[in-house]
């Protein structure tokens, strides 16, 4: 029986190529934020049907916190890159102006 994944290897490579610059650049902060955003969206869909899955809810909260810390880092380093990333990912700017 094959394991059903929410994001295939090809999808991850495409995501890293779009946000990290190359297929192998998974360490880019922008690529990490994009990956966390996809995982958060997936877990939101899961929790819409499985409301009592508290372990997944805790994981979701931890991921949102990690993504927020990475966003704050990008905003401190390069505000233009931060704004471009937020627009590409369709996220709203929840950080205070830096």
PDB file of N, CA and C in Angstrom:
ATOM      1  N   UNK A   1       0.852  -1.175   0.000  1.00  0.00           N
ATOM      2  CA  UNK A   1       0.000   0.000   0.000  1.00  0.00           C
ATOM      3  C   UNK A   1       0.896   1.236   0.000  1.00  0.00           C
ATOM      4  N   UNK A   2       0.617   2.176  -0.881  1.00  0.00           N
ATOM      5  CA  UNK A   2       1.456   3.367  -0.971  1.00  0.00           C
ATOM      6  C   UNK A   2       0.976   4.435   0.003  1.00  0.00           C
ATOM      7  N   UNK A   3       1.929   5.171   0.503  1.00  0.00           N
ATOM      8  CA  UNK A   3       1.635   6.237   1.446  1.00  0.00           C
ATOM      9  C   UNK A   3       1.162   7.464   0.676  1.00  0.00           C
ATOM     10  N   UNK A   4       0.031   8.005   1.062  1.00  0.00           N
ATOM     11  CA  UNK A   4      -0.509   9.189   0.417  1.00  0.00           C
ATOM     12  C   UNK A   4       0.134  10.433   1.028  1.00  0.00           C
ATOM     13  N   UNK A   5       0.797  11.216   0.216  1.00  0.00           N
ATOM     14  CA  UNK A   5       1.463  12.413   0.711  1.00  0.00           C
ATOM     15  C   UNK A   5       0.758  13.649   0.173  1.00  0.00           C
ATOM     16  N   UNK A   6       0.871  14.709   0.879  1.00  0.00           N
ATOM     17  CA  UNK A   6       0.226  15.940   0.464  1.00  0.00           C
ATOM     18  C   UNK A   6       1.083  16.709  -0.531  1.00  0.00           C
ATOM     19  N   UNK A   7       2.376  16.423  -0.579  1.00  0.00           N
ATOM     20  CA  UNK A   7       3.278  17.129  -1.472  1.00  0.00           C
ATOM     21  C   UNK A   7       4.320  16.143  -1.990  1.00  0.00           C
ATOM     22  N   UNK A   8       4.305  15.885  -3.280  1.00  0.00           N
ATOM     23  CA  UNK A   8       5.238  14.918  -3.852  1.00  0.00           C
ATOM     24  C   UNK A   8       6.638  15.524  -3.955  1.00  0.00           C
ATOM     25  N   UNK A   9       7.607  14.692  -4.233  1.00  0.00           N
ATOM     26  CA  UNK A   9       8.991  15.144  -4.374  1.00  0.00           C
ATOM     27  C   UNK A   9       9.112  16.163  -5.500  1.00  0.00           C
ATOM     28  N   UNK A  10       8.399  15.920  -6.600  1.00  0.00           N
ATOM     29  CA  UNK A  10       8.444  16.860  -7.719  1.00  0.00           C
ATOM     30  C   UNK A  10       7.853  18.218  -7.325  1.00  0.00           C
ATOM     31  N   UNK A  11       6.766  18.179  -6.544  1.00  0.00           N
ATOM     32  CA  UNK A  11       6.158  19.426  -6.089  1.00  0.00           C
ATOM     33  C   UNK A  11       7.110  20.193  -5.175  1.00  0.00           C
ATOM     34  N   UNK A  12       7.824  19.477  -4.309  1.00  0.00           N
ATOM     35  CA  UNK A  12       8.787  20.125  -3.421  1.00  0.00           C
ATOM     36  C   UNK A  12       9.922  20.756  -4.222  1.00  0.00           C
ATOM     37  N   UNK A  13      10.418  20.028  -5.224  1.00  0.00           N
ATOM     38  CA  UNK A  13      11.495  20.574  -6.054  1.00  0.00           C
ATOM     39  C   UNK A  13      11.034  21.830  -6.787  1.00  0.00           C
ATOM     40  N   UNK A  14       9.797  21.802  -7.277  1.00  0.00           N
ATOM     41  CA  UNK A  14       9.253  22.974  -7.958  1.00  0.00           C
ATOM     42  C   UNK A  14       9.131  24.154  -6.999  1.00  0.00           C
ATOM     43  N   UNK A  15       8.690  23.873  -5.779  1.00  0.00           N
ATOM     44  CA  UNK A  15       8.563  24.904  -4.748  1.00  0.00           C
ATOM     45  C   UNK A  15       9.923  25.508  -4.414  1.00  0.00           C
ATOM     46  N   UNK A  16      10.934  24.654  -4.251  1.00  0.00           N
ATOM     47  CA  UNK A  16      12.277  25.138  -3.947  1.00  0.00           C
ATOM     48  C   UNK A  16      12.871  25.911  -5.120  1.00  0.00           C
ATOM     49  N   UNK A  17      12.563  25.485  -6.338  1.00  0.00           N
ATOM     50  CA  UNK A  17      13.066  26.186  -7.514  1.00  0.00           C
ATOM     51  C   UNK A  17      12.444  27.576  -7.613  1.00  0.00           C
ATOM     52  N   UNK A  18      11.151  27.658  -7.305  1.00  0.00           N
ATOM     53  CA  UNK A  18      10.444  28.938  -7.394  1.00  0.00           C
ATOM     54  C   UNK A  18      10.888  29.910  -6.309  1.00  0.00           C
ATOM     55  N   UNK A  19      11.055  29.428  -5.077  1.00  0.00           N
ATOM     56  CA  UNK A  19      11.345  30.327  -3.968  1.00  0.00           C
ATOM     57  C   UNK A  19      12.801  30.295  -3.516  1.00  0.00           C
ATOM     58  N   UNK A  20      13.519  29.198  -3.775  1.00  0.00           N
ATOM     59  CA  UNK A  20      14.889  29.090  -3.312  1.00  0.00           C
ATOM     60  C   UNK A  20      15.923  29.359  -4.377  1.00  0.00           C
ATOM     61  N   UNK A  21      15.509  29.391  -5.631  1.00  0.00           N
ATOM     62  CA  UNK A  21      16.451  29.651  -6.707  1.00  0.00           C
ATOM     63  C   UNK A  21      16.854  28.403  -7.467  1.00  0.00           C
ATOM     64  N   UNK A  22      16.936  27.254  -6.791  1.00  0.00           N
ATOM     65  CA  UNK A  22      17.242  26.001  -7.470  1.00  0.00           C
ATOM     66  C   UNK A  22      16.504  24.866  -6.777  1.00  0.00           C
ATOM     67  N   UNK A  23      16.423  23.726  -7.431  1.00  0.00           N
ATOM     68  CA  UNK A  23      15.690  22.573  -6.886  1.00  0.00           C
ATOM     69  C   UNK A  23      16.299  22.055  -5.595  1.00  0.00           C
ATOM     70  N   UNK A  24      17.605  22.254  -5.424  1.00  0.00           N
ATOM     71  CA  UNK A  24      18.306  21.700  -4.269  1.00  0.00           C
ATOM     72  C   UNK A  24      18.429  22.677  -3.112  1.00  0.00           C
ATOM     73  N   UNK A  25      17.976  23.897  -3.290  1.00  0.00           N
ATOM     74  CA  UNK A  25      18.154  24.925  -2.265  1.00  0.00           C
ATOM     75  C   UNK A  25      16.987  24.919  -1.286  1.00  0.00           C
ATOM     76  N   UNK A  26      16.913  23.880  -0.481  1.00  0.00           N
ATOM     77  CA  UNK A  26      15.834  23.787   0.502  1.00  0.00           C
ATOM     78  C   UNK A  26      16.165  24.564   1.775  1.00  0.00           C
ATOM     79  N   UNK A  27      17.385  25.065   1.883  1.00  0.00           N
ATOM     80  CA  UNK A  27      17.799  25.784   3.080  1.00  0.00           C
ATOM     81  C   UNK A  27      17.522  27.269   3.021  1.00  0.00           C
ATOM     82  N   UNK A  28      17.123  27.771   1.868  1.00  0.00           N
ATOM     83  CA  UNK A  28      16.803  29.183   1.748  1.00  0.00           C
ATOM     84  C   UNK A  28      15.652  29.520   2.691  1.00  0.00           C
ATOM     85  N   UNK A  29      15.756  30.642   3.361  1.00  0.00           N
ATOM     86  CA  UNK A  29      14.733  31.031   4.332  1.00  0.00           C
ATOM     87  C   UNK A  29      13.393  31.222   3.632  1.00  0.00           C
ATOM     88  N   UNK A  30      13.408  31.810   2.448  1.00  0.00           N
ATOM     89  CA  UNK A  30      12.161  32.025   1.709  1.00  0.00           C
ATOM     90  C   UNK A  30      11.553  30.679   1.308  1.00  0.00           C
ATOM     91  N   UNK A  31      12.396  29.730   0.899  1.00  0.00           N
ATOM     92  CA  UNK A  31      11.901  28.398   0.545  1.00  0.00           C
ATOM     93  C   UNK A  31      11.323  27.692   1.772  1.00  0.00           C
ATOM     94  N   UNK A  32      11.942  27.883   2.923  1.00  0.00           N
ATOM     95  CA  UNK A  32      11.421  27.273   4.152  1.00  0.00           C
ATOM     96  C   UNK A  32      10.058  27.851   4.518  1.00  0.00           C
ATOM     97  N   UNK A  33       9.896  29.163   4.349  1.00  0.00           N
ATOM     98  CA  UNK A  33       8.606  29.794   4.631  1.00  0.00           C
ATOM     99  C   UNK A  33       7.545  29.267   3.662  1.00  0.00           C
ATOM    100  N   UNK A  34       7.914  29.112   2.392  1.00  0.00           N
ATOM    101  CA  UNK A  34       6.969  28.591   1.398  1.00  0.00           C
ATOM    102  C   UNK A  34       6.558  27.156   1.743  1.00  0.00           C
ATOM    103  N   UNK A  35       7.520  26.350   2.161  1.00  0.00           N
ATOM    104  CA  UNK A  35       7.227  24.964   2.527  1.00  0.00           C
ATOM    105  C   UNK A  35       6.328  24.911   3.763  1.00  0.00           C
ATOM    106  N   UNK A  36       6.628  25.714   4.760  1.00  0.00           N
ATOM    107  CA  UNK A  36       5.790  25.755   5.955  1.00  0.00           C
ATOM    108  C   UNK A  36       4.374  26.233   5.612  1.00  0.00           C
ATOM    109  N   UNK A  37       4.268  27.172   4.685  1.00  0.00           N
ATOM    110  CA  UNK A  37       2.953  27.666   4.282  1.00  0.00           C
ATOM    111  C   UNK A  37       2.130  26.549   3.657  1.00  0.00           C
ATOM    112  N   UNK A  38       2.754  25.744   2.793  1.00  0.00           N
ATOM    113  CA  UNK A  38       2.037  24.615   2.185  1.00  0.00           C
ATOM    114  C   UNK A  38       1.618  23.599   3.240  1.00  0.00           C
ATOM    115  N   UNK A  39       2.500  23.316   4.191  1.00  0.00           N
ATOM    116  CA  UNK A  39       2.160  22.361   5.253  1.00  0.00           C
ATOM    117  C   UNK A  39       1.033  22.887   6.134  1.00  0.00           C
ATOM    118  N   UNK A  40       1.060  24.174   6.427  1.00  0.00           N
ATOM    119  CA  UNK A  40       0.012  24.792   7.250  1.00  0.00           C
ATOM    120  C   UNK A  40      -1.332  24.735   6.530  1.00  0.00           C
ATOM    121  N   UNK A  41      -1.334  25.025   5.232  1.00  0.00           N
ATOM    122  CA  UNK A  41      -2.580  24.937   4.457  1.00  0.00           C
ATOM    123  C   UNK A  41      -3.140  23.518   4.478  1.00  0.00           C
ATOM    124  N   UNK A  42      -2.251  22.543   4.338  1.00  0.00           N
ATOM    125  CA  UNK A  42      -2.674  21.137   4.356  1.00  0.00           C
ATOM    126  C   UNK A  42      -3.276  20.768   5.713  1.00  0.00           C
ATOM    127  N   UNK A  43      -2.638  21.176   6.785  1.00  0.00           N
ATOM    128  CA  UNK A  43      -3.146  20.849   8.113  1.00  0.00           C
ATOM    129  C   UNK A  43      -4.460  21.572   8.414  1.00  0.00           C
ATOM    130  N   UNK A  44      -4.634  22.773   7.884  1.00  0.00           N
ATOM    131  CA  UNK A  44      -5.904  23.473   8.054  1.00  0.00           C
ATOM    132  C   UNK A  44      -7.045  22.689   7.423  1.00  0.00           C
ATOM    133  N   UNK A  45      -6.800  22.139   6.234  1.00  0.00           N
ATOM    134  CA  UNK A  45      -7.813  21.312   5.580  1.00  0.00           C
ATOM    135  C   UNK A  45      -8.102  20.061   6.402  1.00  0.00           C
ATOM    136  N   UNK A  46      -7.074  19.451   6.932  1.00  0.00           N
ATOM    137  CA  UNK A  46      -7.233  18.246   7.751  1.00  0.00           C
ATOM    138  C   UNK A  46      -8.064  18.548   8.999  1.00  0.00           C
ATOM    139  N   UNK A  47      -7.768  19.662   9.660  1.00  0.00           N
ATOM    140  CA  UNK A  47      -8.466  20.007  10.891  1.00  0.00           C
ATOM    141  C   UNK A  47      -9.902  20.459  10.647  1.00  0.00           C
ATOM    142  N   UNK A  48     -10.224  20.844   9.424  1.00  0.00           N
ATOM    143  CA  UNK A  48     -11.604  21.204   9.114  1.00  0.00           C
ATOM    144  C   UNK A  48     -12.515  19.982   9.226  1.00  0.00           C
ATOM    145  N   UNK A  49     -11.995  18.803   8.924  1.00  0.00           N
ATOM    146  CA  UNK A  49     -12.800  17.590   9.001  1.00  0.00           C
ATOM    147  C   UNK A  49     -12.561  16.807  10.287  1.00  0.00           C
ATOM    148  N   UNK A  50     -11.367  16.937  10.881  1.00  0.00           N
ATOM    149  CA  UNK A  50     -11.024  16.209  12.102  1.00  0.00           C
ATOM    150  C   UNK A  50     -10.819  17.208  13.237  1.00  0.00           C
ATOM    151  N   UNK A  51     -11.914  17.727  13.743  1.00  0.00           N
ATOM    152  CA  UNK A  51     -11.869  18.816  14.712  1.00  0.00           C
ATOM    153  C   UNK A  51     -11.224  18.432  16.039  1.00  0.00           C
ATOM    154  N   UNK A  52     -11.257  17.183  16.412  1.00  0.00           N
ATOM    155  CA  UNK A  52     -10.745  16.772  17.720  1.00  0.00           C
ATOM    156  C   UNK A  52      -9.313  16.244  17.680  1.00  0.00           C
ATOM    157  N   UNK A  53      -8.632  16.435  16.583  1.00  0.00           N
ATOM    158  CA  UNK A  53      -7.251  15.975  16.436  1.00  0.00           C
ATOM    159  C   UNK A  53      -6.316  17.013  17.071  1.00  0.00           C
ATOM    160  N   UNK A  54      -6.162  16.910  18.384  1.00  0.00           N
ATOM    161  CA  UNK A  54      -5.412  17.929  19.120  1.00  0.00           C
ATOM    162  C   UNK A  54      -3.904  17.843  18.888  1.00  0.00           C
ATOM    163  N   UNK A  55      -3.387  16.679  18.599  1.00  0.00           N
ATOM    164  CA  UNK A  55      -1.958  16.548  18.319  1.00  0.00           C
ATOM    165  C   UNK A  55      -1.601  17.301  17.040  1.00  0.00           C
ATOM    166  N   UNK A  56      -2.445  17.183  16.028  1.00  0.00           N
ATOM    167  CA  UNK A  56      -2.212  17.904  14.780  1.00  0.00           C
ATOM    168  C   UNK A  56      -2.375  19.400  14.996  1.00  0.00           C
ATOM    169  N   UNK A  57      -3.340  19.784  15.826  1.00  0.00           N
ATOM    170  CA  UNK A  57      -3.547  21.205  16.117  1.00  0.00           C
ATOM    171  C   UNK A  57      -2.304  21.802  16.776  1.00  0.00           C
ATOM    172  N   UNK A  58      -1.689  21.048  17.694  1.00  0.00           N
ATOM    173  CA  UNK A  58      -0.470  21.516  18.349  1.00  0.00           C
ATOM    174  C   UNK A  58       0.663  21.663  17.331  1.00  0.00           C
ATOM    175  N   UNK A  59       0.785  20.701  16.432  1.00  0.00           N
ATOM    176  CA  UNK A  59       1.806  20.784  15.387  1.00  0.00           C
ATOM    177  C   UNK A  59       1.577  22.003  14.500  1.00  0.00           C
ATOM    178  N   UNK A  60       0.318  22.271  14.201  1.00  0.00           N
ATOM    179  CA  UNK A  60      -0.016  23.434  13.386  1.00  0.00           C
ATOM    180  C   UNK A  60       0.409  24.725  14.078  1.00  0.00           C
ATOM    181  N   UNK A  61       0.138  24.838  15.352  1.00  0.00           N
ATOM    182  CA  UNK A  61       0.504  26.044  16.100  1.00  0.00           C
ATOM    183  C   UNK A  61       2.018  26.211  16.128  1.00  0.00           C
ATOM    184  N   UNK A  62       2.747  25.116  16.288  1.00  0.00           N
ATOM    185  CA  UNK A  62       4.214  25.191  16.285  1.00  0.00           C
ATOM    186  C   UNK A  62       4.737  25.637  14.923  1.00  0.00           C
ATOM    187  N   UNK A  63       4.131  25.133  13.841  1.00  0.00           N
ATOM    188  CA  UNK A  63       4.559  25.519  12.496  1.00  0.00           C
ATOM    189  C   UNK A  63       4.286  26.992  12.224  1.00  0.00           C
ATOM    190  N   UNK A  64       3.139  27.470  12.677  1.00  0.00           N
ATOM    191  CA  UNK A  64       2.813  28.884  12.485  1.00  0.00           C
ATOM    192  C   UNK A  64       3.832  29.755  13.226  1.00  0.00           C
ATOM    193  N   UNK A  65       4.218  29.358  14.424  1.00  0.00           N
ATOM    194  CA  UNK A  65       5.221  30.101  15.176  1.00  0.00           C
ATOM    195  C   UNK A  65       6.574  30.091  14.492  1.00  0.00           C
ATOM    196  N   UNK A  66       6.963  28.948  13.961  1.00  0.00           N
ATOM    197  CA  UNK A  66       8.239  28.842  13.236  1.00  0.00           C
ATOM    198  C   UNK A  66       8.225  29.730  11.996  1.00  0.00           C
ATOM    199  N   UNK A  67       7.101  29.693  11.262  1.00  0.00           N
ATOM    200  CA  UNK A  67       6.996  30.522  10.063  1.00  0.00           C
ATOM    201  C   UNK A  67       7.063  32.007  10.428  1.00  0.00           C
ATOM    202  N   UNK A  68       6.429  32.393  11.526  1.00  0.00           N
ATOM    203  CA  UNK A  68       6.446  33.791  11.954  1.00  0.00           C
ATOM    204  C   UNK A  68       7.867  34.228  12.299  1.00  0.00           C
ATOM    205  N   UNK A  69       8.634  33.360  12.969  1.00  0.00           N
ATOM    206  CA  UNK A  69      10.027  33.709  13.300  1.00  0.00           C
ATOM    207  C   UNK A  69      10.863  33.872  12.039  1.00  0.00           C
ATOM    208  N   UNK A  70      10.673  32.991  11.058  1.00  0.00           N
ATOM    209  CA  UNK A  70      11.413  33.104   9.802  1.00  0.00           C
ATOM    210  C   UNK A  70      11.011  34.369   9.045  1.00  0.00           C
ATOM    211  N   UNK A  71       9.721  34.709   9.072  1.00  0.00           N
ATOM    212  CA  UNK A  71       9.265  35.930   8.413  1.00  0.00           C
ATOM    213  C   UNK A  71       9.892  37.159   9.064  1.00  0.00           C
ATOM    214  N   UNK A  72       9.957  37.158  10.380  1.00  0.00           N
ATOM    215  CA  UNK A  72      10.566  38.279  11.092  1.00  0.00           C
ATOM    216  C   UNK A  72      12.037  38.417  10.705  1.00  0.00           C
ATOM    217  N   UNK A  73      12.741  37.292  10.569  1.00  0.00           N
ATOM    218  CA  UNK A  73      14.148  37.299  10.172  1.00  0.00           C
ATOM    219  C   UNK A  73      14.317  37.917   8.785  1.00  0.00           C
ATOM    220  N   UNK A  74      13.477  37.477   7.839  1.00  0.00           N
ATOM    221  CA  UNK A  74      13.571  38.013   6.475  1.00  0.00           C
ATOM    222  C   UNK A  74      13.272  39.509   6.472  1.00  0.00           C
ATOM    223  N   UNK A  75      12.270  39.931   7.244  1.00  0.00           N
ATOM    224  CA  UNK A  75      11.905  41.350   7.287  1.00  0.00           C
ATOM    225  C   UNK A  75      13.052  42.188   7.832  1.00  0.00           C
ATOM    226  N   UNK A  76      13.778  41.646   8.818  1.00  0.00           N
ATOM    227  CA  UNK A  76      14.926  42.383   9.370  1.00  0.00           C
ATOM    228  C   UNK A  76      16.062  42.487   8.362  1.00  0.00           C
ATOM    229  N   UNK A  77      16.292  41.410   7.610  1.00  0.00           N
ATOM    230  CA  UNK A  77      17.424  41.381   6.682  1.00  0.00           C
ATOM    231  C   UNK A  77      17.157  42.151   5.391  1.00  0.00           C
ATOM    232  N   UNK A  78      15.980  41.952   4.803  1.00  0.00           N
ATOM    233  CA  UNK A  78      15.674  42.570   3.512  1.00  0.00           C
ATOM    234  C   UNK A  78      14.167  42.771   3.404  1.00  0.00           C
ATOM    235  N   UNK A  79      13.694  43.977   3.685  1.00  0.00           N
ATOM    236  CA  UNK A  79      12.263  44.256   3.724  1.00  0.00           C
ATOM    237  C   UNK A  79      11.619  44.087   2.350  1.00  0.00           C
ATOM    238  N   UNK A  80      12.363  44.363   1.270  1.00  0.00           N
ATOM    239  CA  UNK A  80      11.796  44.225  -0.069  1.00  0.00           C
ATOM    240  C   UNK A  80      11.582  42.761  -0.422  1.00  0.00           C
ATOM    241  N   UNK A  81      12.529  41.917  -0.042  1.00  0.00           N
ATOM    242  CA  UNK A  81      12.381  40.483  -0.262  1.00  0.00           C
ATOM    243  C   UNK A  81      11.199  39.946   0.547  1.00  0.00           C
ATOM    244  N   UNK A  82      11.046  40.467   1.768  1.00  0.00           N
ATOM    245  CA  UNK A  82       9.943  40.058   2.637  1.00  0.00           C
ATOM    246  C   UNK A  82       8.595  40.410   2.006  1.00  0.00           C
ATOM    247  N   UNK A  83       8.466  41.625   1.527  1.00  0.00           N
ATOM    248  CA  UNK A  83       7.202  42.065   0.921  1.00  0.00           C
ATOM    249  C   UNK A  83       6.890  41.281  -0.341  1.00  0.00           C
ATOM    250  N   UNK A  84       7.917  41.005  -1.145  1.00  0.00           N
ATOM    251  CA  UNK A  84       7.725  40.218  -2.363  1.00  0.00           C
ATOM    252  C   UNK A  84       7.282  38.800  -2.022  1.00  0.00           C
ATOM    253  N   UNK A  85       7.918  38.204  -1.003  1.00  0.00           N
ATOM    254  CA  UNK A  85       7.564  36.848  -0.583  1.00  0.00           C
ATOM    255  C   UNK A  85       6.124  36.788  -0.081  1.00  0.00           C
ATOM    256  N   UNK A  86       5.726  37.764   0.711  1.00  0.00           N
ATOM    257  CA  UNK A  86       4.372  37.785   1.258  1.00  0.00           C
ATOM    258  C   UNK A  86       3.341  37.892   0.140  1.00  0.00           C
ATOM    259  N   UNK A  87       3.652  38.687  -0.881  1.00  0.00           N
ATOM    260  CA  UNK A  87       2.741  38.836  -2.007  1.00  0.00           C
ATOM    261  C   UNK A  87       2.658  37.528  -2.804  1.00  0.00           C
ATOM    262  N   UNK A  88       3.802  36.876  -3.043  1.00  0.00           N
ATOM    263  CA  UNK A  88       3.822  35.625  -3.799  1.00  0.00           C
ATOM    264  C   UNK A  88       3.060  34.510  -3.086  1.00  0.00           C
ATOM    265  N   UNK A  89       3.204  34.435  -1.775  1.00  0.00           N
ATOM    266  CA  UNK A  89       2.560  33.372  -1.015  1.00  0.00           C
ATOM    267  C   UNK A  89       1.109  33.695  -0.670  1.00  0.00           C
ATOM    268  N   UNK A  90       0.694  34.934  -0.888  1.00  0.00           N
ATOM    269  CA  UNK A  90      -0.680  35.315  -0.590  1.00  0.00           C
ATOM    270  C   UNK A  90      -0.939  35.438   0.894  1.00  0.00           C
ATOM    271  N   UNK A  91       0.088  35.819   1.653  1.00  0.00           N
ATOM    272  CA  UNK A  91      -0.064  36.001   3.090  1.00  0.00           C
ATOM    273  C   UNK A  91      -0.242  37.480   3.381  1.00  0.00           C
ATOM    274  N   UNK A  92      -0.921  37.766   4.480  1.00  0.00           N
ATOM    275  CA  UNK A  92      -1.048  39.167   4.853  1.00  0.00           C
ATOM    276  C   UNK A  92       0.084  39.530   5.803  1.00  0.00           C
ATOM    277  N   UNK A  93       0.434  40.768   5.807  1.00  0.00           N
ATOM    278  CA  UNK A  93       1.554  41.259   6.600  1.00  0.00           C
ATOM    279  C   UNK A  93       1.103  41.440   8.041  1.00  0.00           C
ATOM    280  N   UNK A  94       1.442  40.478   8.895  1.00  0.00           N
ATOM    281  CA  UNK A  94       1.003  40.547  10.284  1.00  0.00           C
ATOM    282  C   UNK A  94       2.095  41.081  11.205  1.00  0.00           C
ATOM    283  N   UNK A  95       3.273  41.331  10.657  1.00  0.00           N
ATOM    284  CA  UNK A  95       4.358  41.860  11.473  1.00  0.00           C
ATOM    285  C   UNK A  95       4.281  43.365  11.553  1.00  0.00           C
ATOM    286  N   UNK A  96       4.790  43.907  12.646  1.00  0.00           N
ATOM    287  CA  UNK A  96       4.870  45.351  12.759  1.00  0.00           C
ATOM    288  C   UNK A  96       5.881  45.854  11.758  1.00  0.00           C
ATOM    289  N   UNK A  97       5.684  47.055  11.273  1.00  0.00           N
ATOM    290  CA  UNK A  97       6.607  47.610  10.302  1.00  0.00           C
ATOM    291  C   UNK A  97       8.002  47.699  10.873  1.00  0.00           C
ATOM    292  N   UNK A  98       8.953  47.215  10.095  1.00  0.00           N
ATOM    293  CA  UNK A  98      10.344  47.186  10.543  1.00  0.00           C
ATOM    294  C   UNK A  98      11.059  48.407  10.046  1.00  0.00           C
TER     295      UNK A  98
END
